[in-house]
């Protein structure tokens, strides 16, 4: 019985650092977040704010077919390698969208993990009722 107790104590002591590290990792993920807003709220910000970036995270082909006026393109699969070179102010308001909302959520999470602090994700262009442009 004593031997089992000592084995249990030893196992707990060996696993304790890993458990603490997992807890720290989860806490840091909670600190890196973005705000989800509606397309109407995004449009209101665009009309009332200055110095923001509209970030389209779709493919170049989707972007060419039509995008929100003034948007810049960084496909979701390139956020990690291109964001810090293009989006140099990590405190700047960044409004993120894609086609339906899935890729924009992933991109917003990735931006937050990179240290961006003012991210607003507003879903997909499918729900955008305010017009698009082609360049």
N, C-alpha and C. Protein backbone atom coordinates (compact mmCIF):
# COMPACT_ATOMS: atom_id res chain seq x y z
N UNK A 1 0.82 -1.19 0.00
CA UNK A 1 0.00 0.00 0.00
C UNK A 1 0.87 1.26 0.00
N UNK A 2 1.90 1.27 0.85
CA UNK A 2 2.79 2.43 0.91
C UNK A 2 3.52 2.63 -0.41
N UNK A 3 3.91 1.52 -1.03
CA UNK A 3 4.62 1.60 -2.29
C UNK A 3 3.74 2.26 -3.36
N UNK A 4 2.47 1.91 -3.39
CA UNK A 4 1.53 2.51 -4.35
C UNK A 4 1.35 3.99 -4.07
N UNK A 5 1.28 4.35 -2.82
CA UNK A 5 1.13 5.75 -2.46
C UNK A 5 2.34 6.55 -2.93
N UNK A 6 3.53 6.01 -2.72
CA UNK A 6 4.75 6.70 -3.16
C UNK A 6 4.81 6.80 -4.69
N UNK A 7 4.37 5.77 -5.37
CA UNK A 7 4.32 5.81 -6.83
C UNK A 7 3.33 6.88 -7.32
N UNK A 8 2.20 6.97 -6.65
CA UNK A 8 1.20 7.98 -6.99
C UNK A 8 1.75 9.39 -6.76
N UNK A 9 2.40 9.61 -5.65
CA UNK A 9 3.00 10.91 -5.35
C UNK A 9 4.08 11.25 -6.37
N UNK A 10 4.92 10.27 -6.72
CA UNK A 10 5.98 10.50 -7.71
C UNK A 10 5.37 10.85 -9.07
N UNK A 11 4.31 10.15 -9.46
CA UNK A 11 3.66 10.43 -10.74
C UNK A 11 3.09 11.84 -10.76
N UNK A 12 2.46 12.25 -9.67
CA UNK A 12 1.89 13.60 -9.60
C UNK A 12 2.99 14.64 -9.69
N UNK A 13 4.09 14.42 -8.98
CA UNK A 13 5.20 15.37 -9.03
C UNK A 13 5.81 15.46 -10.43
N UNK A 14 5.86 14.34 -11.13
CA UNK A 14 6.40 14.35 -12.48
C UNK A 14 5.46 15.05 -13.46
N UNK A 15 4.16 14.90 -13.26
CA UNK A 15 3.18 15.50 -14.18
C UNK A 15 2.85 16.95 -13.85
N UNK A 16 3.12 17.40 -12.65
CA UNK A 16 2.75 18.74 -12.22
C UNK A 16 3.26 19.85 -13.15
N UNK A 17 4.54 19.84 -13.55
CA UNK A 17 5.01 20.91 -14.45
C UNK A 17 4.25 20.94 -15.78
N UNK A 18 3.90 19.78 -16.31
CA UNK A 18 3.15 19.74 -17.57
C UNK A 18 1.75 20.31 -17.38
N UNK A 19 1.12 19.99 -16.26
CA UNK A 19 -0.22 20.52 -15.99
C UNK A 19 -0.19 22.04 -15.84
N UNK A 20 0.80 22.56 -15.17
CA UNK A 20 0.94 24.01 -15.00
C UNK A 20 1.18 24.67 -16.36
N UNK A 21 2.01 24.08 -17.20
CA UNK A 21 2.30 24.64 -18.52
C UNK A 21 1.04 24.67 -19.38
N UNK A 22 0.24 23.62 -19.34
CA UNK A 22 -1.02 23.60 -20.10
C UNK A 22 -1.95 24.70 -19.63
N UNK A 23 -2.02 24.91 -18.33
CA UNK A 23 -2.87 25.96 -17.79
C UNK A 23 -2.39 27.33 -18.25
N UNK A 24 -1.09 27.57 -18.25
CA UNK A 24 -0.55 28.85 -18.72
C UNK A 24 -0.87 29.07 -20.19
N UNK A 25 -0.75 28.00 -20.99
CA UNK A 25 -1.03 28.12 -22.42
C UNK A 25 -2.49 28.48 -22.62
N UNK A 26 -3.41 27.85 -21.91
CA UNK A 26 -4.82 28.17 -22.06
C UNK A 26 -5.11 29.60 -21.64
N UNK A 27 -4.48 30.08 -20.57
CA UNK A 27 -4.69 31.45 -20.14
C UNK A 27 -4.19 32.44 -21.18
N UNK A 28 -3.05 32.15 -21.82
CA UNK A 28 -2.54 33.08 -22.81
C UNK A 28 -3.45 33.11 -24.03
N UNK A 29 -4.11 32.01 -24.37
CA UNK A 29 -5.04 32.02 -25.49
C UNK A 29 -6.25 32.88 -25.16
N UNK A 30 -6.69 32.89 -23.89
CA UNK A 30 -7.82 33.71 -23.50
C UNK A 30 -7.48 35.19 -23.61
N UNK A 31 -6.21 35.55 -23.42
CA UNK A 31 -5.81 36.95 -23.49
C UNK A 31 -5.70 37.46 -24.92
N UNK A 32 -5.60 36.57 -25.89
CA UNK A 32 -5.46 36.97 -27.28
C UNK A 32 -6.76 36.69 -28.01
N UNK A 33 -7.62 37.69 -28.06
CA UNK A 33 -8.92 37.51 -28.66
C UNK A 33 -9.24 38.63 -29.62
N UNK A 34 -10.37 38.50 -30.28
CA UNK A 34 -10.88 39.52 -31.17
C UNK A 34 -12.35 39.70 -30.85
N UNK A 35 -12.95 40.72 -31.41
CA UNK A 35 -14.37 40.97 -31.19
C UNK A 35 -15.13 40.65 -32.47
N UNK A 36 -16.20 39.89 -32.33
CA UNK A 36 -17.05 39.60 -33.47
C UNK A 36 -18.17 40.64 -33.51
N UNK A 37 -18.37 41.26 -34.67
CA UNK A 37 -19.41 42.27 -34.85
C UNK A 37 -20.22 41.93 -36.09
N UNK A 38 -21.32 42.64 -36.27
CA UNK A 38 -22.17 42.42 -37.44
C UNK A 38 -21.65 43.25 -38.61
N UNK A 39 -22.07 42.91 -39.82
CA UNK A 39 -21.72 43.76 -40.96
C UNK A 39 -22.21 45.21 -40.79
N UNK A 40 -23.37 45.39 -40.19
CA UNK A 40 -23.89 46.75 -39.96
C UNK A 40 -22.99 47.51 -38.99
N UNK A 41 -22.49 46.85 -37.96
CA UNK A 41 -21.57 47.50 -37.02
C UNK A 41 -20.25 47.84 -37.72
N UNK A 42 -19.80 46.94 -38.60
CA UNK A 42 -18.57 47.21 -39.35
C UNK A 42 -18.76 48.41 -40.26
N UNK A 43 -19.89 48.49 -40.92
CA UNK A 43 -20.18 49.62 -41.80
C UNK A 43 -20.22 50.92 -41.00
N UNK A 44 -20.81 50.89 -39.83
CA UNK A 44 -20.86 52.09 -38.97
C UNK A 44 -19.45 52.52 -38.57
N UNK A 45 -18.59 51.57 -38.26
CA UNK A 45 -17.20 51.91 -37.93
C UNK A 45 -16.49 52.51 -39.14
N UNK A 46 -16.73 51.94 -40.32
CA UNK A 46 -16.11 52.47 -41.53
C UNK A 46 -16.57 53.89 -41.82
N UNK A 47 -17.83 54.18 -41.52
CA UNK A 47 -18.37 55.51 -41.76
C UNK A 47 -17.94 56.52 -40.70
N UNK A 48 -17.65 56.04 -39.49
CA UNK A 48 -17.38 56.96 -38.39
C UNK A 48 -15.95 57.04 -37.91
N UNK A 49 -15.13 56.10 -38.31
CA UNK A 49 -13.74 56.05 -37.85
C UNK A 49 -12.78 56.42 -38.97
N UNK A 50 -11.55 56.67 -38.59
CA UNK A 50 -10.48 56.89 -39.55
C UNK A 50 -9.30 55.99 -39.17
N UNK A 51 -8.43 55.72 -40.13
CA UNK A 51 -7.21 54.98 -39.85
C UNK A 51 -7.39 53.50 -39.61
N UNK A 52 -8.48 52.94 -40.09
CA UNK A 52 -8.71 51.51 -39.94
C UNK A 52 -8.25 50.77 -41.20
N UNK A 53 -8.16 49.47 -41.09
CA UNK A 53 -7.85 48.62 -42.24
C UNK A 53 -9.00 47.63 -42.40
N UNK A 54 -9.45 47.48 -43.64
CA UNK A 54 -10.42 46.43 -43.97
C UNK A 54 -9.59 45.30 -44.56
N UNK A 55 -9.64 44.15 -43.93
CA UNK A 55 -8.81 43.02 -44.34
C UNK A 55 -9.68 41.91 -44.91
N UNK A 56 -9.48 41.63 -46.18
CA UNK A 56 -10.15 40.53 -46.89
C UNK A 56 -9.21 39.34 -46.84
N UNK A 57 -9.67 38.21 -46.33
CA UNK A 57 -8.80 37.05 -46.18
C UNK A 57 -9.19 35.92 -47.14
N UNK A 58 -9.89 36.27 -48.21
CA UNK A 58 -10.25 35.28 -49.22
C UNK A 58 -9.08 35.06 -50.19
N UNK A 59 -9.33 34.31 -51.22
CA UNK A 59 -8.29 34.06 -52.24
C UNK A 59 -8.18 35.26 -53.18
N UNK A 60 -7.07 35.38 -53.89
CA UNK A 60 -6.95 36.46 -54.87
C UNK A 60 -8.06 36.44 -55.92
N UNK A 61 -8.50 35.26 -56.33
CA UNK A 61 -9.57 35.16 -57.31
C UNK A 61 -10.90 35.69 -56.76
N UNK A 62 -11.20 35.36 -55.51
CA UNK A 62 -12.42 35.86 -54.89
C UNK A 62 -12.36 37.38 -54.74
N UNK A 63 -11.21 37.88 -54.33
CA UNK A 63 -11.01 39.32 -54.16
C UNK A 63 -11.22 40.04 -55.49
N UNK A 64 -10.67 39.52 -56.58
CA UNK A 64 -10.79 40.15 -57.90
C UNK A 64 -12.24 40.17 -58.38
N UNK A 65 -13.02 39.19 -57.98
CA UNK A 65 -14.42 39.12 -58.40
C UNK A 65 -15.29 40.17 -57.72
N UNK A 66 -14.83 40.73 -56.61
CA UNK A 66 -15.56 41.77 -55.90
C UNK A 66 -15.18 41.79 -54.43
N UNK A 67 -14.89 42.99 -53.93
CA UNK A 67 -14.49 43.15 -52.53
C UNK A 67 -15.01 44.49 -52.01
N UNK A 68 -14.91 44.67 -50.72
CA UNK A 68 -15.33 45.93 -50.10
C UNK A 68 -14.32 47.01 -50.48
N UNK A 69 -14.83 48.17 -50.85
CA UNK A 69 -13.96 49.27 -51.26
C UNK A 69 -12.93 49.59 -50.18
N UNK A 70 -11.68 49.69 -50.60
CA UNK A 70 -10.60 50.02 -49.67
C UNK A 70 -9.98 48.83 -48.97
N UNK A 71 -10.53 47.63 -49.20
CA UNK A 71 -10.00 46.44 -48.53
C UNK A 71 -8.63 46.07 -49.09
N UNK A 72 -7.81 45.50 -48.22
CA UNK A 72 -6.55 44.92 -48.66
C UNK A 72 -6.67 43.41 -48.54
N UNK A 73 -5.92 42.72 -49.35
CA UNK A 73 -6.00 41.27 -49.40
C UNK A 73 -4.78 40.63 -48.76
N UNK A 74 -5.04 39.80 -47.77
CA UNK A 74 -4.05 38.84 -47.27
C UNK A 74 -4.83 37.54 -47.09
N UNK A 75 -4.68 36.59 -48.00
CA UNK A 75 -5.40 35.33 -47.85
C UNK A 75 -5.15 34.70 -46.48
N UNK A 76 -6.18 34.05 -45.95
CA UNK A 76 -6.07 33.48 -44.60
C UNK A 76 -4.86 32.56 -44.46
N UNK A 77 -4.51 31.85 -45.51
CA UNK A 77 -3.38 30.93 -45.45
C UNK A 77 -2.03 31.64 -45.50
N UNK A 78 -2.02 32.98 -45.65
CA UNK A 78 -0.77 33.74 -45.66
C UNK A 78 -0.65 34.71 -44.48
N UNK A 79 -1.60 34.70 -43.58
CA UNK A 79 -1.59 35.63 -42.44
C UNK A 79 -0.28 35.52 -41.67
N UNK A 80 0.11 34.31 -41.31
CA UNK A 80 1.30 34.11 -40.50
C UNK A 80 2.58 34.65 -41.12
N UNK A 81 2.69 34.56 -42.43
CA UNK A 81 3.93 35.00 -43.08
C UNK A 81 3.90 36.45 -43.55
N UNK A 82 2.71 37.02 -43.77
CA UNK A 82 2.65 38.37 -44.35
C UNK A 82 2.12 39.46 -43.42
N UNK A 83 1.35 39.10 -42.42
CA UNK A 83 0.65 40.11 -41.62
C UNK A 83 1.59 41.15 -41.02
N UNK A 84 2.64 40.72 -40.38
CA UNK A 84 3.50 41.68 -39.67
C UNK A 84 4.24 42.62 -40.61
N UNK A 85 4.44 42.22 -41.87
CA UNK A 85 5.07 43.11 -42.84
C UNK A 85 4.08 44.12 -43.44
N UNK A 86 2.82 43.74 -43.52
CA UNK A 86 1.81 44.60 -44.14
C UNK A 86 1.04 45.39 -43.08
N UNK A 87 0.68 44.74 -42.00
CA UNK A 87 -0.07 45.37 -40.91
C UNK A 87 0.90 45.72 -39.80
N UNK A 88 1.58 46.84 -39.95
CA UNK A 88 2.70 47.15 -39.07
C UNK A 88 2.29 47.71 -37.71
N UNK A 89 1.09 48.28 -37.59
CA UNK A 89 0.63 48.84 -36.32
C UNK A 89 -0.30 47.83 -35.66
N UNK A 90 0.17 47.17 -34.63
CA UNK A 90 -0.61 46.12 -33.98
C UNK A 90 -1.78 46.65 -33.15
N UNK A 91 -1.87 47.97 -32.98
CA UNK A 91 -2.99 48.56 -32.24
C UNK A 91 -4.04 49.17 -33.16
N UNK A 92 -3.77 49.19 -34.46
CA UNK A 92 -4.69 49.76 -35.43
C UNK A 92 -5.96 48.91 -35.54
N UNK A 93 -7.09 49.57 -35.76
CA UNK A 93 -8.36 48.87 -35.95
C UNK A 93 -8.30 48.08 -37.26
N UNK A 94 -8.52 46.77 -37.16
CA UNK A 94 -8.53 45.90 -38.33
C UNK A 94 -9.89 45.22 -38.39
N UNK A 95 -10.60 45.45 -39.49
CA UNK A 95 -11.91 44.86 -39.74
C UNK A 95 -11.72 43.69 -40.71
N UNK A 96 -12.01 42.48 -40.27
CA UNK A 96 -11.68 41.27 -41.03
C UNK A 96 -12.94 40.60 -41.56
N UNK A 97 -12.89 40.21 -42.85
CA UNK A 97 -13.99 39.45 -43.44
C UNK A 97 -13.47 38.44 -44.45
N UNK A 98 -14.35 37.49 -44.81
CA UNK A 98 -14.05 36.51 -45.86
C UNK A 98 -15.32 36.32 -46.70
N UNK A 99 -15.62 35.11 -47.10
CA UNK A 99 -16.83 34.86 -47.88
C UNK A 99 -18.03 34.60 -46.98
N UNK A 100 -17.85 33.67 -46.01
CA UNK A 100 -18.98 33.28 -45.16
C UNK A 100 -18.74 33.48 -43.67
N UNK A 101 -17.49 33.70 -43.27
CA UNK A 101 -17.19 33.92 -41.86
C UNK A 101 -16.23 32.95 -41.23
N UNK A 102 -16.04 31.78 -41.81
CA UNK A 102 -15.15 30.79 -41.21
C UNK A 102 -13.69 31.21 -41.29
N UNK A 103 -13.24 31.58 -42.48
CA UNK A 103 -11.83 31.97 -42.64
C UNK A 103 -11.51 33.25 -41.90
N UNK A 104 -12.46 34.17 -41.83
CA UNK A 104 -12.20 35.43 -41.11
C UNK A 104 -12.04 35.18 -39.61
N UNK A 105 -12.79 34.25 -39.06
CA UNK A 105 -12.62 33.90 -37.64
C UNK A 105 -11.23 33.30 -37.41
N UNK A 106 -10.83 32.38 -38.29
CA UNK A 106 -9.49 31.78 -38.15
C UNK A 106 -8.40 32.84 -38.28
N UNK A 107 -8.55 33.74 -39.26
CA UNK A 107 -7.55 34.79 -39.46
C UNK A 107 -7.52 35.74 -38.26
N UNK A 108 -8.69 36.09 -37.73
CA UNK A 108 -8.74 36.98 -36.56
C UNK A 108 -8.05 36.33 -35.36
N UNK A 109 -8.26 35.04 -35.18
CA UNK A 109 -7.56 34.32 -34.11
C UNK A 109 -6.06 34.36 -34.31
N UNK A 110 -5.64 34.16 -35.55
CA UNK A 110 -4.20 34.15 -35.83
C UNK A 110 -3.59 35.54 -35.62
N UNK A 111 -4.31 36.58 -36.04
CA UNK A 111 -3.84 37.95 -35.81
C UNK A 111 -3.71 38.23 -34.32
N UNK A 112 -4.70 37.81 -33.56
CA UNK A 112 -4.65 38.01 -32.11
C UNK A 112 -3.45 37.28 -31.51
N UNK A 113 -3.18 36.08 -31.98
CA UNK A 113 -2.03 35.32 -31.48
C UNK A 113 -0.72 36.01 -31.84
N UNK A 114 -0.71 36.78 -32.93
CA UNK A 114 0.49 37.53 -33.34
C UNK A 114 0.64 38.83 -32.56
N UNK A 115 -0.35 39.17 -31.73
CA UNK A 115 -0.23 40.35 -30.88
C UNK A 115 -1.05 41.54 -31.32
N UNK A 116 -1.90 41.40 -32.33
CA UNK A 116 -2.78 42.50 -32.74
C UNK A 116 -3.88 42.64 -31.69
N UNK A 117 -4.22 43.88 -31.35
CA UNK A 117 -5.09 44.11 -30.19
C UNK A 117 -6.43 44.74 -30.51
N UNK A 118 -6.66 45.14 -31.75
CA UNK A 118 -7.90 45.85 -32.09
C UNK A 118 -8.54 45.23 -33.33
N UNK A 119 -8.92 43.97 -33.21
CA UNK A 119 -9.44 43.20 -34.33
C UNK A 119 -10.95 43.05 -34.17
N UNK A 120 -11.65 43.35 -35.25
CA UNK A 120 -13.10 43.16 -35.28
C UNK A 120 -13.41 42.29 -36.50
N UNK A 121 -13.99 41.14 -36.26
CA UNK A 121 -14.33 40.20 -37.32
C UNK A 121 -15.81 40.34 -37.61
N UNK A 122 -16.16 40.54 -38.89
CA UNK A 122 -17.59 40.76 -39.19
C UNK A 122 -18.15 39.76 -40.20
N UNK A 123 -17.59 38.58 -40.24
CA UNK A 123 -18.19 37.51 -41.03
C UNK A 123 -17.81 37.54 -42.49
N UNK A 124 -18.83 37.30 -43.33
CA UNK A 124 -18.55 37.14 -44.74
C UNK A 124 -19.19 38.17 -45.63
N UNK A 125 -18.61 38.30 -46.80
CA UNK A 125 -19.11 39.24 -47.80
C UNK A 125 -20.49 38.80 -48.29
N UNK A 126 -20.84 37.54 -48.09
CA UNK A 126 -22.18 37.07 -48.44
C UNK A 126 -23.26 37.84 -47.71
N UNK A 127 -22.94 38.35 -46.51
CA UNK A 127 -23.90 39.11 -45.71
C UNK A 127 -23.71 40.62 -45.82
N UNK A 128 -22.81 41.05 -46.67
CA UNK A 128 -22.49 42.47 -46.83
C UNK A 128 -23.49 43.11 -47.79
N UNK A 129 -24.26 44.08 -47.31
CA UNK A 129 -25.34 44.70 -48.10
C UNK A 129 -24.98 46.10 -48.60
N UNK A 130 -23.70 46.48 -48.53
CA UNK A 130 -23.33 47.86 -48.77
C UNK A 130 -22.50 48.05 -50.04
N UNK A 131 -22.50 47.10 -50.91
CA UNK A 131 -21.82 47.24 -52.20
C UNK A 131 -20.39 46.76 -52.18
N UNK A 132 -19.92 46.36 -53.35
CA UNK A 132 -18.56 45.90 -53.54
C UNK A 132 -17.98 46.54 -54.80
N UNK A 133 -16.69 46.43 -54.95
CA UNK A 133 -16.00 46.99 -56.12
C UNK A 133 -15.11 45.92 -56.70
N UNK A 134 -14.70 46.14 -57.95
CA UNK A 134 -13.66 45.33 -58.58
C UNK A 134 -12.62 46.30 -59.08
N UNK A 135 -11.36 45.98 -58.89
CA UNK A 135 -10.28 46.85 -59.33
C UNK A 135 -9.57 46.21 -60.50
